[in-house]
């Protein structure tokens, strides 16, 4: 389960950032997780429960925002929704679509005290 190492890295980044900014505690964490990222949000939540204890984020709430898949069709010259990686353009049906959203995993923000 790669979500465990991902969540360990998220907690490490969040706690280090909080420490560097003089925070005593992390109150909340918001993550953006793309629907095409191959990251399971339920597994992330499970792993969060396992790795947060004993850290500055031990009492923090975790919110996961799902980001829809999106791409730029090189043939149509417009942004289109993507339902899967390397999927076709929803307008012209061609497969020359460059993914622009939906594969990310990033820390959107965090609240500290």
Protein backbone atom coordinates (compact mmCIF):
# COMPACT_ATOMS: atom_id res chain seq x y z
CA UNK A 1 0.00 0.00 0.00
CA UNK A 2 1.83 3.10 -1.21
CA UNK A 3 -0.67 5.33 0.62
CA UNK A 4 1.22 4.64 3.87
CA UNK A 5 4.47 6.12 2.59
CA UNK A 6 2.56 8.99 0.99
CA UNK A 7 0.82 9.83 4.24
CA UNK A 8 4.06 9.52 6.22
CA UNK A 9 5.56 12.10 3.86
CA UNK A 10 2.54 14.39 4.16
CA UNK A 11 2.73 14.30 7.98
CA UNK A 12 6.49 14.91 7.87
CA UNK A 13 6.09 17.92 5.57
CA UNK A 14 3.19 19.35 7.57
CA UNK A 15 4.92 18.96 10.93
CA UNK A 16 8.24 20.35 9.69
CA UNK A 17 6.48 23.35 8.14
CA UNK A 18 4.55 23.94 11.37
CA UNK A 19 7.76 23.73 13.44
CA UNK A 20 9.64 26.11 11.16
CA UNK A 21 6.82 28.63 11.58
CA UNK A 22 6.67 28.36 15.36
CA UNK A 23 3.37 26.50 15.58
CA UNK A 24 2.54 24.40 18.62
CA UNK A 25 -0.12 22.26 16.96
CA UNK A 26 -1.66 21.50 13.56
CA UNK A 27 -5.46 21.86 13.70
CA UNK A 28 -6.36 20.81 10.16
CA UNK A 29 -4.85 19.58 6.91
CA UNK A 30 -6.46 19.79 3.47
CA UNK A 31 -5.18 17.60 0.64
CA UNK A 32 -6.01 17.70 -3.06
CA UNK A 33 -6.07 14.21 -4.55
CA UNK A 34 -6.72 13.75 -8.25
CA UNK A 35 -9.18 11.08 -9.35
CA UNK A 36 -6.58 9.85 -11.86
CA UNK A 37 -3.72 9.74 -9.35
CA UNK A 38 -4.06 6.06 -8.40
CA UNK A 39 -4.30 7.13 -4.74
CA UNK A 40 -7.22 5.74 -2.73
CA UNK A 41 -8.68 8.43 -0.42
CA UNK A 42 -10.05 5.81 1.99
CA UNK A 43 -6.61 4.22 2.27
CA UNK A 44 -5.10 7.68 2.89
CA UNK A 45 -7.56 8.25 5.75
CA UNK A 46 -6.75 4.83 7.22
CA UNK A 47 -3.01 5.52 7.02
CA UNK A 48 -3.50 9.00 8.49
CA UNK A 49 -5.00 7.43 11.60
CA UNK A 50 -1.94 5.19 11.88
CA UNK A 51 0.80 7.82 11.47
CA UNK A 52 -0.49 11.05 13.03
CA UNK A 53 -0.26 10.06 16.71
CA UNK A 54 2.60 11.59 18.65
CA UNK A 55 3.15 14.37 16.10
CA UNK A 56 2.15 18.03 15.95
CA UNK A 57 -0.70 16.83 13.71
CA UNK A 58 -1.91 14.28 16.24
CA UNK A 59 -5.24 16.05 16.78
CA UNK A 60 -5.65 17.54 13.29
CA UNK A 61 -8.67 16.99 11.08
CA UNK A 62 -7.88 15.71 7.59
CA UNK A 63 -9.97 16.83 4.62
CA UNK A 64 -9.44 15.27 1.20
CA UNK A 65 -10.66 17.18 -1.85
CA UNK A 66 -11.04 15.14 -5.03
CA UNK A 67 -9.80 16.87 -8.18
CA UNK A 68 -11.47 15.91 -11.46
CA UNK A 69 -9.47 14.73 -14.45
CA UNK A 70 -8.89 17.35 -17.11
CA UNK A 71 -6.75 17.66 -20.21
CA UNK A 72 -5.86 19.85 -23.15
CA UNK A 73 -6.80 18.37 -26.52
CA UNK A 74 -4.03 19.15 -28.98
CA UNK A 75 -6.42 18.63 -31.92
CA UNK A 76 -9.43 20.64 -30.67
CA UNK A 77 -7.36 23.22 -28.82
CA UNK A 78 -9.54 23.19 -25.73
CA UNK A 79 -9.79 21.86 -22.21
CA UNK A 80 -11.82 18.66 -21.84
CA UNK A 81 -12.84 16.36 -19.00
CA UNK A 82 -10.81 13.14 -18.66
CA UNK A 83 -12.37 10.01 -17.22
CA UNK A 84 -9.16 7.96 -17.34
CA UNK A 85 -5.46 8.42 -18.00
CA UNK A 86 -4.67 8.62 -21.70
CA UNK A 87 -8.39 8.76 -22.43
CA UNK A 88 -9.79 10.24 -25.61
CA UNK A 89 -11.01 13.79 -26.08
CA UNK A 90 -14.69 13.97 -25.19
CA UNK A 91 -15.32 16.20 -28.22
CA UNK A 92 -13.28 14.80 -31.14
CA UNK A 93 -12.50 11.30 -29.82
CA UNK A 94 -8.79 11.54 -30.57
CA UNK A 95 -6.17 10.49 -28.03
CA UNK A 96 -3.89 13.51 -28.28
CA UNK A 97 -4.91 14.86 -24.88
CA UNK A 98 -2.32 16.23 -22.47
CA UNK A 99 -3.43 15.76 -18.85
CA UNK A 100 -3.56 19.06 -16.95
CA UNK A 101 -5.40 18.05 -13.76
CA UNK A 102 -6.50 14.98 -11.88
CA UNK A 103 -3.19 13.24 -11.18
CA UNK A 104 -2.03 15.44 -8.30
CA UNK A 105 -1.51 14.78 -4.62
CA UNK A 106 -0.71 18.00 -2.84
CA UNK A 107 -1.13 19.69 0.47
CA UNK A 108 -3.65 22.46 -0.22
CA UNK A 109 -3.26 24.16 3.16
CA UNK A 110 -3.12 23.61 6.89
CA UNK A 111 -4.30 25.44 9.98
CA UNK A 112 -1.97 25.76 12.96
CA UNK A 113 -1.95 27.33 16.39
